Amino acid sequence: MKISNLPKKISTFFKEVKLEMKKVNWPTRQETIKYTSIVIGVSLGVAAFLGACDFIFTTILNKFIL
């Protein structure tokens, strides 16, 4: 790769990035809010499940082993 070709390659790269970004199907505000709510809800559900499992196993270990 020649150093003299570097500015041209950088320019070409950014032009191609601009073209590709125009092709992206960006989500609407409502879709973003909906998907964010789903992620937060699932995260809270998993956290509650793991917390309950931890509590149960800790209780069992404290009663029978320790």
Protein backbone atom coordinates (compact mmCIF):
# COMPACT_ATOMS: atom_id res chain seq x y z
CA MET A 1 0.00 0.00 0.00
CA LYS A 2 1.42 3.31 -1.06
CA ILE A 3 1.23 6.29 1.26
CA SER A 4 0.25 8.52 -1.66
CA ASN A 5 -2.98 6.51 -2.16
CA LEU A 6 -4.05 6.86 1.48
CA PRO A 7 -6.03 10.14 1.19
CA LYS A 8 -7.96 8.78 -1.81
CA LYS A 9 -8.75 5.52 0.00
CA ILE A 10 -9.93 7.39 3.09
CA SER A 11 -12.16 9.61 0.97
CA THR A 12 -13.60 6.58 -0.83
CA PHE A 13 -14.21 4.84 2.48
CA PHE A 14 -16.23 7.74 3.89
CA LYS A 15 -18.25 8.09 0.68
CA GLU A 16 -19.15 4.40 0.86
CA VAL A 17 -20.05 4.73 4.54
CA LYS A 18 -22.40 7.60 3.71
CA LEU A 19 -24.09 5.53 1.00
CA GLU A 20 -24.50 2.51 3.28
CA MET A 21 -25.93 4.64 6.10
CA LYS A 22 -28.67 5.83 3.75
CA LYS A 23 -29.69 2.19 3.22
CA VAL A 24 -30.12 1.50 6.93
CA ASN A 25 -33.70 1.03 8.08
CA TRP A 26 -33.69 3.01 11.33
CA PRO A 27 -36.36 2.16 13.93
CA THR A 28 -39.02 4.72 14.76
CA ARG A 29 -39.25 6.33 18.18
CA GLN A 30 -42.18 4.08 19.13
CA GLU A 31 -40.29 0.94 18.06
CA THR A 32 -37.26 2.01 20.07
CA ILE A 33 -39.41 2.61 23.17
CA LYS A 34 -41.18 -0.75 22.69
CA TYR A 35 -37.95 -2.74 22.27
CA THR A 36 -36.27 -0.95 25.17
CA SER A 37 -39.25 -1.75 27.41
CA ILE A 38 -39.06 -5.41 26.39
CA VAL A 39 -35.35 -5.58 27.21
CA ILE A 40 -35.86 -3.91 30.60
CA GLY A 41 -38.81 -6.22 31.40
CA VAL A 42 -36.93 -9.38 30.47
CA SER A 43 -33.89 -8.21 32.44
CA LEU A 44 -36.02 -7.59 35.53
CA GLY A 45 -37.69 -11.00 35.11
CA VAL A 46 -34.35 -12.80 34.86
CA ALA A 47 -32.99 -10.84 37.84
CA ALA A 48 -36.04 -11.78 39.93
CA PHE A 49 -35.73 -15.45 38.93
CA LEU A 50 -32.01 -15.59 39.74
CA GLY A 51 -32.58 -13.73 43.02
CA ALA A 52 -35.28 -16.22 44.02
CA CYS A 53 -33.02 -19.16 43.11
CA ASP A 54 -30.20 -17.65 45.15
CA PHE A 55 -32.50 -17.12 48.14
CA ILE A 56 -33.84 -20.69 47.98
CA PHE A 57 -30.41 -22.30 47.63
CA THR A 58 -28.95 -20.13 50.40
CA THR A 59 -31.83 -21.07 52.72
CA ILE A 60 -31.42 -24.77 51.93
CA LEU A 61 -27.67 -24.65 52.49
CA ASN A 62 -28.05 -22.78 55.77
CA LYS A 63 -30.63 -25.28 57.12
CA PHE A 64 -29.03 -28.54 56.08
CA ILE A 65 -25.30 -28.01 55.66
CA LEU A 66 -24.20 -25.09 57.80
